[in-house]
Structures are given as C-alpha cells and as structure tokens.
Amino acid sequence: MKNRYTETAEIFKAFCDENRIRILEMLKTGEKCGCKLLEELNVTQPTLSHHMKILCDSGIVEGRKEGKWMHYKISMDGRNTALKLLKEITEENDICTDKCCE
C-alpha cells in the first residue's frame, strides 16, 4: 500500500518532464489518439508509451483502447486531485505542532 507522500510524488512526477507537459497541452483540446500524439511529439512509440504510463499512473490522464490504438484524455478527477494536493502542500499554516518551536 502506498503512503500519501508516495502517491503525491507520483502525481507531481507527471508534471516533471517537458514531453509530458506538451502531451497535457495537446490533450487540453480533448481526447487524442496515441498516433496523433506520436506524430506531434516526434518521439518513438516506446518513449510515448513510457510518458503515457506515467501520466495514466498518476491519474492525470486516462486512456481507452480502440482497435490497435489508445486514446487519451485529461481526467477531471485526476486534475482536481492534483489541484487539491498542490493547495494542501503549499498552504500556510500558522499552527506549529513541532515541539522545537516552543
């Protein structure tokens, strides 16, 4: 079972690569076939598969198979989870629970 830090890191790992950011930009306009992403990115199929696995494992992107191709889109649930986590980990908290501050 993953702890919350591992899950959070997995989500934000999806945003830590230039190609994955480009993929997300392309998916902003709706679902895209893997063949279209492959064409636009100018990467090999194994490289695209690697990036899509990270994006899908994070929950930010979801995929569905149609024939021999995968079709991908941004997951609204994954997007909302990432936004919530970013807010939680960056929100200031005036209450210190650490004994060293006393």
PDB file of N, CA and C in Angstrom:
ATOM      1  N   MET A   1       0.845  -1.182   0.000  1.00  0.00           N
ATOM      2  CA  MET A   1       0.000   0.000   0.000  1.00  0.00           C
ATOM      3  C   MET A   1       0.893   1.250   0.000  1.00  0.00           C
ATOM      4  N   LYS A   2       0.551   2.192  -0.860  1.00  0.00           N
ATOM      5  CA  LYS A   2       1.331   3.423  -0.959  1.00  0.00           C
ATOM      6  C   LYS A   2       0.929   4.386   0.153  1.00  0.00           C
ATOM      7  N   ASN A   3       1.924   5.125   0.660  1.00  0.00           N
ATOM      8  CA  ASN A   3       1.577   6.161   1.618  1.00  0.00           C
ATOM      9  C   ASN A   3       1.237   7.443   0.869  1.00  0.00           C
ATOM     10  N   ARG A   4       0.733   8.433   1.573  1.00  0.00           N
ATOM     11  CA  ARG A   4       0.263   9.646   0.896  1.00  0.00           C
ATOM     12  C   ARG A   4       1.399  10.415   0.231  1.00  0.00           C
ATOM     13  N   TYR A   5       2.625  10.324   0.770  1.00  0.00           N
ATOM     14  CA  TYR A   5       3.757  11.018   0.162  1.00  0.00           C
ATOM     15  C   TYR A   5       4.138  10.377  -1.168  1.00  0.00           C
ATOM     16  N   THR A   6       4.095   9.062  -1.222  1.00  0.00           N
ATOM     17  CA  THR A   6       4.394   8.341  -2.453  1.00  0.00           C
ATOM     18  C   THR A   6       3.352   8.672  -3.520  1.00  0.00           C
ATOM     19  N   GLU A   7       2.076   8.673  -3.124  1.00  0.00           N
ATOM     20  CA  GLU A   7       1.003   8.996  -4.065  1.00  0.00           C
ATOM     21  C   GLU A   7       1.134  10.435  -4.573  1.00  0.00           C
ATOM     22  N   THR A   8       1.455  11.360  -3.678  1.00  0.00           N
ATOM     23  CA  THR A   8       1.624  12.762  -4.069  1.00  0.00           C
ATOM     24  C   THR A   8       2.798  12.908  -5.030  1.00  0.00           C
ATOM     25  N   ALA A   9       3.905  12.250  -4.727  1.00  0.00           N
ATOM     26  CA  ALA A   9       5.081  12.316  -5.598  1.00  0.00           C
ATOM     27  C   ALA A   9       4.765  11.745  -6.977  1.00  0.00           C
ATOM     28  N   GLU A  10       3.988  10.670  -7.021  1.00  0.00           N
ATOM     29  CA  GLU A  10       3.612  10.055  -8.296  1.00  0.00           C
ATOM     30  C   GLU A  10       2.782  11.020  -9.145  1.00  0.00           C
ATOM     31  N   ILE A  11       1.891  11.750  -8.509  1.00  0.00           N
ATOM     32  CA  ILE A  11       1.067  12.727  -9.232  1.00  0.00           C
ATOM     33  C   ILE A  11       1.935  13.839  -9.787  1.00  0.00           C
ATOM     34  N   PHE A  12       2.830  14.386  -8.970  1.00  0.00           N
ATOM     35  CA  PHE A  12       3.625  15.514  -9.436  1.00  0.00           C
ATOM     36  C   PHE A  12       4.762  15.106 -10.365  1.00  0.00           C
ATOM     37  N   LYS A  13       5.140  13.841 -10.342  1.00  0.00           N
ATOM     38  CA  LYS A  13       6.124  13.331 -11.306  1.00  0.00           C
ATOM     39  C   LYS A  13       5.589  13.498 -12.730  1.00  0.00           C
ATOM     40  N   ALA A  14       4.280  13.400 -12.877  1.00  0.00           N
ATOM     41  CA  ALA A  14       3.657  13.537 -14.196  1.00  0.00           C
ATOM     42  C   ALA A  14       3.920  14.908 -14.809  1.00  0.00           C
ATOM     43  N   PHE A  15       4.156  15.911 -13.981  1.00  0.00           N
ATOM     44  CA  PHE A  15       4.368  17.278 -14.468  1.00  0.00           C
ATOM     45  C   PHE A  15       5.850  17.632 -14.626  1.00  0.00           C
ATOM     46  N   CYS A  16       6.733  16.681 -14.376  1.00  0.00           N
ATOM     47  CA  CYS A  16       8.174  16.982 -14.310  1.00  0.00           C
ATOM     48  C   CYS A  16       8.947  16.602 -15.575  1.00  0.00           C
ATOM     49  N   ASP A  17       8.322  16.680 -16.703  1.00  0.00           N
ATOM     50  CA  ASP A  17       9.013  16.363 -17.947  1.00  0.00           C
ATOM     51  C   ASP A  17       8.420  17.219 -19.058  1.00  0.00           C
ATOM     52  N   GLU A  18       9.279  17.775 -19.873  1.00  0.00           N
ATOM     53  CA  GLU A  18       8.852  18.654 -20.971  1.00  0.00           C
ATOM     54  C   GLU A  18       7.881  17.959 -21.928  1.00  0.00           C
ATOM     55  N   ASN A  19       8.160  16.705 -22.270  1.00  0.00           N
ATOM     56  CA  ASN A  19       7.269  15.990 -23.189  1.00  0.00           C
ATOM     57  C   ASN A  19       5.906  15.735 -22.568  1.00  0.00           C
ATOM     58  N   ARG A  20       5.865  15.426 -21.278  1.00  0.00           N
ATOM     59  CA  ARG A  20       4.575  15.190 -20.626  1.00  0.00           C
ATOM     60  C   ARG A  20       3.768  16.483 -20.542  1.00  0.00           C
ATOM     61  N   ILE A  21       4.449  17.604 -20.344  1.00  0.00           N
ATOM     62  CA  ILE A  21       3.748  18.897 -20.351  1.00  0.00           C
ATOM     63  C   ILE A  21       3.178  19.158 -21.749  1.00  0.00           C
ATOM     64  N   ARG A  22       3.955  18.855 -22.768  1.00  0.00           N
ATOM     65  CA  ARG A  22       3.472  19.020 -24.154  1.00  0.00           C
ATOM     66  C   ARG A  22       2.266  18.123 -24.421  1.00  0.00           C
ATOM     67  N   ILE A  23       2.310  16.902 -23.916  1.00  0.00           N
ATOM     68  CA  ILE A  23       1.182  15.981 -24.081  1.00  0.00           C
ATOM     69  C   ILE A  23      -0.061  16.564 -23.409  1.00  0.00           C
ATOM     70  N   LEU A  24       0.093  17.058 -22.197  1.00  0.00           N
ATOM     71  CA  LEU A  24      -1.045  17.661 -21.495  1.00  0.00           C
ATOM     72  C   LEU A  24      -1.600  18.857 -22.257  1.00  0.00           C
ATOM     73  N   GLU A  25      -0.714  19.656 -22.830  1.00  0.00           N
ATOM     74  CA  GLU A  25      -1.150  20.795 -23.649  1.00  0.00           C
ATOM     75  C   GLU A  25      -2.004  20.312 -24.825  1.00  0.00           C
ATOM     76  N   MET A  26      -1.571  19.224 -25.462  1.00  0.00           N
ATOM     77  CA  MET A  26      -2.315  18.687 -26.607  1.00  0.00           C
ATOM     78  C   MET A  26      -3.673  18.132 -26.181  1.00  0.00           C
ATOM     79  N   LEU A  27      -3.724  17.555 -24.982  1.00  0.00           N
ATOM     80  CA  LEU A  27      -4.964  16.948 -24.508  1.00  0.00           C
ATOM     81  C   LEU A  27      -5.966  17.972 -23.981  1.00  0.00           C
ATOM     82  N   LYS A  28      -5.526  19.222 -23.813  1.00  0.00           N
ATOM     83  CA  LYS A  28      -6.436  20.269 -23.334  1.00  0.00           C
ATOM     84  C   LYS A  28      -7.612  20.468 -24.280  1.00  0.00           C
ATOM     85  N   THR A  29      -7.424  20.173 -25.547  1.00  0.00           N
ATOM     86  CA  THR A  29      -8.494  20.380 -26.526  1.00  0.00           C
ATOM     87  C   THR A  29      -9.372  19.142 -26.690  1.00  0.00           C
ATOM     88  N   GLY A  30      -9.117  18.107 -25.900  1.00  0.00           N
ATOM     89  CA  GLY A  30      -9.946  16.908 -25.957  1.00  0.00           C
ATOM     90  C   GLY A  30      -9.142  15.655 -26.199  1.00  0.00           C
ATOM     91  N   GLU A  31      -9.858  14.564 -26.283  1.00  0.00           N
ATOM     92  CA  GLU A  31      -9.249  13.243 -26.460  1.00  0.00           C
ATOM     93  C   GLU A  31      -8.427  13.176 -27.744  1.00  0.00           C
ATOM     94  N   LYS A  32      -7.274  12.514 -27.639  1.00  0.00           N
ATOM     95  CA  LYS A  32      -6.388  12.344 -28.801  1.00  0.00           C
ATOM     96  C   LYS A  32      -5.957  10.882 -28.882  1.00  0.00           C
ATOM     97  N   CYS A  33      -5.827  10.422 -30.108  1.00  0.00           N
ATOM     98  CA  CYS A  33      -5.298   9.091 -30.376  1.00  0.00           C
ATOM     99  C   CYS A  33      -3.785   9.108 -30.133  1.00  0.00           C
ATOM    100  N   GLY A  34      -3.260   7.989 -29.635  1.00  0.00           N
ATOM    101  CA  GLY A  34      -1.823   7.874 -29.433  1.00  0.00           C
ATOM    102  C   GLY A  34      -1.044   8.144 -30.710  1.00  0.00           C
ATOM    103  N   CYS A  35      -1.612   7.780 -31.851  1.00  0.00           N
ATOM    104  CA  CYS A  35      -0.929   8.014 -33.130  1.00  0.00           C
ATOM    105  C   CYS A  35      -0.751   9.511 -33.384  1.00  0.00           C
ATOM    106  N   LYS A  36      -1.727  10.310 -32.995  1.00  0.00           N
ATOM    107  CA  LYS A  36      -1.648  11.763 -33.173  1.00  0.00           C
ATOM    108  C   LYS A  36      -0.589  12.351 -32.238  1.00  0.00           C
ATOM    109  N   LEU A  37      -0.556  11.879 -31.000  1.00  0.00           N
ATOM    110  CA  LEU A  37       0.455  12.343 -30.046  1.00  0.00           C
ATOM    111  C   LEU A  37       1.849  11.981 -30.547  1.00  0.00           C
ATOM    112  N   LEU A  38       1.976  10.778 -31.054  1.00  0.00           N
ATOM    113  CA  LEU A  38       3.253  10.292 -31.582  1.00  0.00           C
ATOM    114  C   LEU A  38       3.730  11.184 -32.729  1.00  0.00           C
ATOM    115  N   GLU A  39       2.831  11.512 -33.610  1.00  0.00           N
ATOM    116  CA  GLU A  39       3.121  12.372 -34.752  1.00  0.00           C
ATOM    117  C   GLU A  39       3.561  13.775 -34.317  1.00  0.00           C
ATOM    118  N   GLU A  40       2.850  14.346 -33.364  1.00  0.00           N
ATOM    119  CA  GLU A  40       3.113  15.711 -32.904  1.00  0.00           C
ATOM    120  C   GLU A  40       4.409  15.821 -32.100  1.00  0.00           C
ATOM    121  N   LEU A  41       4.707  14.811 -31.294  1.00  0.00           N
ATOM    122  CA  LEU A  41       5.873  14.870 -30.405  1.00  0.00           C
ATOM    123  C   LEU A  41       7.180  14.521 -31.105  1.00  0.00           C
ATOM    124  N   ASN A  42       7.088  13.760 -32.174  1.00  0.00           N
ATOM    125  CA  ASN A  42       8.288  13.317 -32.871  1.00  0.00           C
ATOM    126  C   ASN A  42       9.203  12.510 -31.936  1.00  0.00           C
ATOM    127  N   VAL A  43       8.601  11.543 -31.237  1.00  0.00           N
ATOM    128  CA  VAL A  43       9.341  10.616 -30.376  1.00  0.00           C
ATOM    129  C   VAL A  43       9.028   9.199 -30.854  1.00  0.00           C
ATOM    130  N   THR A  44       9.745   8.230 -30.328  1.00  0.00           N
ATOM    131  CA  THR A  44       9.481   6.841 -30.683  1.00  0.00           C
ATOM    132  C   THR A  44       8.254   6.344 -29.921  1.00  0.00           C
ATOM    133  N   GLN A  45       7.668   5.258 -30.412  1.00  0.00           N
ATOM    134  CA  GLN A  45       6.498   4.683 -29.756  1.00  0.00           C
ATOM    135  C   GLN A  45       6.817   4.226 -28.326  1.00  0.00           C
ATOM    136  N   PRO A  46       7.971   3.581 -28.074  1.00  0.00           N
ATOM    137  CA  PRO A  46       8.283   3.200 -26.688  1.00  0.00           C
ATOM    138  C   PRO A  46       8.422   4.421 -25.757  1.00  0.00           C
ATOM    139  N   THR A  47       8.961   5.512 -26.280  1.00  0.00           N
ATOM    140  CA  THR A  47       9.097   6.731 -25.468  1.00  0.00           C
ATOM    141  C   THR A  47       7.726   7.294 -25.134  1.00  0.00           C
ATOM    142  N   LEU A  48       6.832   7.329 -26.114  1.00  0.00           N
ATOM    143  CA  LEU A  48       5.476   7.805 -25.855  1.00  0.00           C
ATOM    144  C   LEU A  48       4.797   6.903 -24.829  1.00  0.00           C
ATOM    145  N   SER A  49       4.943   5.602 -24.976  1.00  0.00           N
ATOM    146  CA  SER A  49       4.334   4.660 -24.022  1.00  0.00           C
ATOM    147  C   SER A  49       4.828   4.911 -22.606  1.00  0.00           C
ATOM    148  N   HIS A  50       6.107   5.176 -22.464  1.00  0.00           N
ATOM    149  CA  HIS A  50       6.691   5.481 -21.148  1.00  0.00           C
ATOM    150  C   HIS A  50       6.017   6.714 -20.539  1.00  0.00           C
ATOM    151  N   HIS A  51       5.907   7.787 -21.320  1.00  0.00           N
ATOM    152  CA  HIS A  51       5.290   9.017 -20.825  1.00  0.00           C
ATOM    153  C   HIS A  51       3.811   8.811 -20.498  1.00  0.00           C
ATOM    154  N   MET A  52       3.122   8.071 -21.346  1.00  0.00           N
ATOM    155  CA  MET A  52       1.694   7.856 -21.113  1.00  0.00           C
ATOM    156  C   MET A  52       1.455   6.985 -19.888  1.00  0.00           C
ATOM    157  N   LYS A  53       2.349   6.043 -19.627  1.00  0.00           N
ATOM    158  CA  LYS A  53       2.215   5.218 -18.420  1.00  0.00           C
ATOM    159  C   LYS A  53       2.330   6.093 -17.175  1.00  0.00           C
ATOM    160  N   ILE A  54       3.294   6.991 -17.152  1.00  0.00           N
ATOM    161  CA  ILE A  54       3.471   7.886 -16.005  1.00  0.00           C
ATOM    162  C   ILE A  54       2.243   8.783 -15.838  1.00  0.00           C
ATOM    163  N   LEU A  55       1.744   9.347 -16.946  1.00  0.00           N
ATOM    164  CA  LEU A  55       0.567  10.220 -16.880  1.00  0.00           C
ATOM    165  C   LEU A  55      -0.674   9.448 -16.430  1.00  0.00           C
ATOM    166  N   CYS A  56      -0.847   8.238 -16.928  1.00  0.00           N
ATOM    167  CA  CYS A  56      -2.008   7.429 -16.542  1.00  0.00           C
ATOM    168  C   CYS A  56      -1.895   6.916 -15.110  1.00  0.00           C
ATOM    169  N   ASP A  57      -0.693   6.473 -14.713  1.00  0.00           N
ATOM    170  CA  ASP A  57      -0.485   6.001 -13.337  1.00  0.00           C
ATOM    171  C   ASP A  57      -0.738   7.105 -12.316  1.00  0.00           C
ATOM    172  N   SER A  58      -0.479   8.345 -12.716  1.00  0.00           N
ATOM    173  CA  SER A  58      -0.695   9.478 -11.808  1.00  0.00           C
ATOM    174  C   SER A  58      -2.173   9.800 -11.656  1.00  0.00           C
ATOM    175  N   GLY A  59      -2.980   9.350 -12.605  1.00  0.00           N
ATOM    176  CA  GLY A  59      -4.404   9.650 -12.589  1.00  0.00           C
ATOM    177  C   GLY A  59      -4.758  10.929 -13.336  1.00  0.00           C
ATOM    178  N   ILE A  60      -3.756  11.647 -13.817  1.00  0.00           N
ATOM    179  CA  ILE A  60      -3.987  12.908 -14.525  1.00  0.00           C
ATOM    180  C   ILE A  60      -4.594  12.648 -15.912  1.00  0.00           C
ATOM    181  N   VAL A  61      -4.217  11.526 -16.520  1.00  0.00           N
ATOM    182  CA  VAL A  61      -4.697  11.164 -17.858  1.00  0.00           C
ATOM    183  C   VAL A  61      -5.343   9.790 -17.772  1.00  0.00           C
ATOM    184  N   GLU A  62      -6.382   9.599 -18.573  1.00  0.00           N
ATOM    185  CA  GLU A  62      -6.984   8.268 -18.679  1.00  0.00           C
ATOM    186  C   GLU A  62      -6.975   7.841 -20.140  1.00  0.00           C
ATOM    187  N   GLY A  63      -6.854   6.542 -20.340  1.00  0.00           N
ATOM    188  CA  GLY A  63      -6.783   6.022 -21.691  1.00  0.00           C
ATOM    189  C   GLY A  63      -7.831   4.958 -21.935  1.00  0.00           C
ATOM    190  N   ARG A  64      -8.195   4.802 -23.197  1.00  0.00           N
ATOM    191  CA  ARG A  64      -9.099   3.727 -23.596  1.00  0.00           C
ATOM    192  C   ARG A  64      -8.609   3.162 -24.927  1.00  0.00           C
ATOM    193  N   LYS A  65      -8.747   1.863 -25.066  1.00  0.00           N
ATOM    194  CA  LYS A  65      -8.274   1.202 -26.282  1.00  0.00           C
ATOM    195  C   LYS A  65      -9.398   1.140 -27.304  1.00  0.00           C
ATOM    196  N   GLU A  66      -9.050   1.495 -28.534  1.00  0.00           N
ATOM    197  CA  GLU A  66      -9.986   1.392 -29.651  1.00  0.00           C
ATOM    198  C   GLU A  66      -9.219   0.781 -30.809  1.00  0.00           C
ATOM    199  N   GLY A  67      -9.539  -0.458 -31.123  1.00  0.00           N
ATOM    200  CA  GLY A  67      -8.773  -1.167 -32.151  1.00  0.00           C
ATOM    201  C   GLY A  67      -7.351  -1.372 -31.662  1.00  0.00           C
ATOM    202  N   LYS A  68      -6.383  -0.996 -32.488  1.00  0.00           N
ATOM    203  CA  LYS A  68      -4.987  -1.160 -32.070  1.00  0.00           C
ATOM    204  C   LYS A  68      -4.424   0.085 -31.397  1.00  0.00           C
ATOM    205  N   TRP A  69      -5.203   1.156 -31.352  1.00  0.00           N
ATOM    206  CA  TRP A  69      -4.712   2.423 -30.797  1.00  0.00           C
ATOM    207  C   TRP A  69      -5.333   2.742 -29.444  1.00  0.00           C
ATOM    208  N   MET A  70      -4.554   3.465 -28.653  1.00  0.00           N
ATOM    209  CA  MET A  70      -5.056   4.001 -27.386  1.00  0.00           C
ATOM    210  C   MET A  70      -5.470   5.445 -27.620  1.00  0.00           C
ATOM    211  N   HIS A  71      -6.511   5.844 -26.957  1.00  0.00           N
ATOM    212  CA  HIS A  71      -6.989   7.227 -26.998  1.00  0.00           C
ATOM    213  C   HIS A  71      -6.891   7.775 -25.581  1.00  0.00           C
ATOM    214  N   TYR A  72      -6.385   8.986 -25.463  1.00  0.00           N
ATOM    215  CA  TYR A  72      -6.111   9.572 -24.150  1.00  0.00           C
ATOM    216  C   TYR A  72      -6.835  10.898 -23.964  1.00  0.00           C
ATOM    217  N   LYS A  73      -7.182  11.171 -22.715  1.00  0.00           N
ATOM    218  CA  LYS A  73      -7.782  12.454 -22.361  1.00  0.00           C
ATOM    219  C   LYS A  73      -7.408  12.793 -20.921  1.00  0.00           C
ATOM    220  N   ILE A  74      -7.510  14.065 -20.603  1.00  0.00           N
ATOM    221  CA  ILE A  74      -7.253  14.505 -19.234  1.00  0.00           C
ATOM    222  C   ILE A  74      -8.402  14.028 -18.361  1.00  0.00           C
ATOM    223  N   SER A  75      -8.059  13.484 -17.211  1.00  0.00           N
ATOM    224  CA  SER A  75      -9.054  13.040 -16.243  1.00  0.00           C
ATOM    225  C   SER A  75      -9.406  14.214 -15.337  1.00  0.00           C
ATOM    226  N   MET A  76     -10.681  14.580 -15.301  1.00  0.00           N
ATOM    227  CA  MET A  76     -11.096  15.691 -14.439  1.00  0.00           C
ATOM    228  C   MET A  76     -10.891  15.337 -12.961  1.00  0.00           C
ATOM    229  N   ASP A  77     -11.118  14.070 -12.584  1.00  0.00           N
ATOM    230  CA  ASP A  77     -10.877  13.656 -11.206  1.00  0.00           C
ATOM    231  C   ASP A  77      -9.396  13.785 -10.862  1.00  0.00           C
ATOM    232  N   GLY A  78      -8.527  13.343 -11.782  1.00  0.00           N
ATOM    233  CA  GLY A  78      -7.081  13.440 -11.562  1.00  0.00           C
ATOM    234  C   GLY A  78      -6.622  14.880 -11.490  1.00  0.00           C
ATOM    235  N   ARG A  79      -7.158  15.711 -12.356  1.00  0.00           N
ATOM    236  CA  ARG A  79      -6.842  17.138 -12.359  1.00  0.00           C
ATOM    237  C   ARG A  79      -7.239  17.772 -11.025  1.00  0.00           C
ATOM    238  N   ASN A  80      -8.449  17.482 -10.580  1.00  0.00           N
ATOM    239  CA  ASN A  80      -8.930  18.060  -9.321  1.00  0.00           C
ATOM    240  C   ASN A  80      -8.122  17.576  -8.125  1.00  0.00           C
ATOM    241  N   THR A  81      -7.721  16.314  -8.149  1.00  0.00           N
ATOM    242  CA  THR A  81      -6.883  15.776  -7.075  1.00  0.00           C
ATOM    243  C   THR A  81      -5.536  16.490  -7.034  1.00  0.00           C
ATOM    244  N   ALA A  82      -4.925  16.701  -8.198  1.00  0.00           N
ATOM    245  CA  ALA A  82      -3.624  17.391  -8.257  1.00  0.00           C
ATOM    246  C   ALA A  82      -3.750  18.827  -7.753  1.00  0.00           C
ATOM    247  N   LEU A  83      -4.806  19.513  -8.154  1.00  0.00           N
ATOM    248  CA  LEU A  83      -5.014  20.888  -7.687  1.00  0.00           C
ATOM    249  C   LEU A  83      -5.195  20.937  -6.172  1.00  0.00           C
ATOM    250  N   LYS A  84      -5.977  20.001  -5.643  1.00  0.00           N
ATOM    251  CA  LYS A  84      -6.217  19.932  -4.201  1.00  0.00           C
ATOM    252  C   LYS A  84      -4.920  19.662  -3.445  1.00  0.00           C
ATOM    253  N   LEU A  85      -4.126  18.720  -3.939  1.00  0.00           N
ATOM    254  CA  LEU A  85      -2.857  18.389  -3.289  1.00  0.00           C
ATOM    255  C   LEU A  85      -1.890  19.566  -3.317  1.00  0.00           C
ATOM    256  N   LEU A  86      -1.812  20.260  -4.445  1.00  0.00           N
ATOM    257  CA  LEU A  86      -0.929  21.418  -4.540  1.00  0.00           C
ATOM    258  C   LEU A  86      -1.334  22.476  -3.521  1.00  0.00           C
ATOM    259  N   LYS A  87      -2.613  22.698  -3.394  1.00  0.00           N
ATOM    260  CA  LYS A  87      -3.103  23.674  -2.420  1.00  0.00           C
ATOM    261  C   LYS A  87      -2.752  23.225  -0.993  1.00  0.00           C
ATOM    262  N   GLU A  88      -2.987  21.953  -0.694  1.00  0.00           N
ATOM    263  CA  GLU A  88      -2.726  21.435   0.647  1.00  0.00           C
ATOM    264  C   GLU A  88      -1.254  21.533   1.038  1.00  0.00           C
ATOM    265  N   ILE A  89      -0.356  21.190   0.118  1.00  0.00           N
ATOM    266  CA  ILE A  89       1.059  21.166   0.490  1.00  0.00           C
ATOM    267  C   ILE A  89       1.722  22.530   0.446  1.00  0.00           C
ATOM    268  N   THR A  90       1.046  23.518  -0.142  1.00  0.00           N
ATOM    269  CA  THR A  90       1.638  24.858  -0.204  1.00  0.00           C
ATOM    270  C   THR A  90       0.897  25.883   0.650  1.00  0.00           C
ATOM    271  N   GLU A  91      -0.183  25.468   1.273  1.00  0.00           N
ATOM    272  CA  GLU A  91      -0.974  26.379   2.098  1.00  0.00           C
ATOM    273  C   GLU A  91      -0.233  26.673   3.402  1.00  0.00           C
ATOM    274  N   GLU A  92      -0.159  27.947   3.750  1.00  0.00           N
ATOM    275  CA  GLU A  92       0.480  28.327   5.002  1.00  0.00           C
ATOM    276  C   GLU A  92      -0.383  27.900   6.173  1.00  0.00           C
ATOM    277  N   ASN A  93       0.299  27.519   7.246  1.00  0.00           N
ATOM    278  CA  ASN A  93      -0.388  27.078   8.449  1.00  0.00           C
ATOM    279  C   ASN A  93       0.292  27.748   9.635  1.00  0.00           C
ATOM    280  N   ASP A  94      -0.426  28.575  10.358  1.00  0.00           N
ATOM    281  CA  ASP A  94       0.130  29.313  11.487  1.00  0.00           C
ATOM    282  C   ASP A  94       0.300  28.459  12.738  1.00  0.00           C
ATOM    283  N   ILE A  95      -0.295  27.283  12.748  1.00  0.00           N
ATOM    284  CA  ILE A  95      -0.233  26.424  13.924  1.00  0.00           C
ATOM    285  C   ILE A  95       0.949  25.480  13.790  1.00  0.00           C
ATOM    286  N   CYS A  96       1.886  25.600  14.701  1.00  0.00           N
ATOM    287  CA  CYS A  96       3.072  24.740  14.691  1.00  0.00           C
ATOM    288  C   CYS A  96       2.864  23.608  15.686  1.00  0.00           C
ATOM    289  N   THR A  97       2.975  22.390  15.216  1.00  0.00           N
ATOM    290  CA  THR A  97       2.834  21.233  16.094  1.00  0.00           C
ATOM    291  C   THR A  97       4.190  20.635  16.454  1.00  0.00           C
ATOM    292  N   ASP A  98       5.237  21.258  16.004  1.00  0.00           N
ATOM    293  CA  ASP A  98       6.597  20.778  16.265  1.00  0.00           C
ATOM    294  C   ASP A  98       7.066  21.324  17.611  1.00  0.00           C
ATOM    295  N   LYS A  99       7.506  20.447  18.493  1.00  0.00           N
ATOM    296  CA  LYS A  99       7.920  20.852  19.844  1.00  0.00           C
ATOM    297  C   LYS A  99       9.136  21.788  19.857  1.00  0.00           C
ATOM    298  N   CYS A 100       9.904  21.805  18.779  1.00  0.00           N
ATOM    299  CA  CYS A 100      11.107  22.644  18.748  1.00  0.00           C
ATOM    300  C   CYS A 100      10.757  24.137  18.726  1.00  0.00           C
ATOM    301  N   CYS A 101       9.553  24.462  18.384  1.00  0.00           N
ATOM    302  CA  CYS A 101       9.138  25.875  18.282  1.00  0.00           C
ATOM    303  C   CYS A 101       8.741  26.462  19.634  1.00  0.00           C
ATOM    304  N   GLU A 102       8.665  25.651  20.666  1.00  0.00           N
ATOM    305  CA  GLU A 102       8.211  26.150  21.974  1.00  0.00           C
ATOM    306  C   GLU A 102       9.324  26.836  22.730  1.00  0.00           C
TER     307      GLU A 102
END
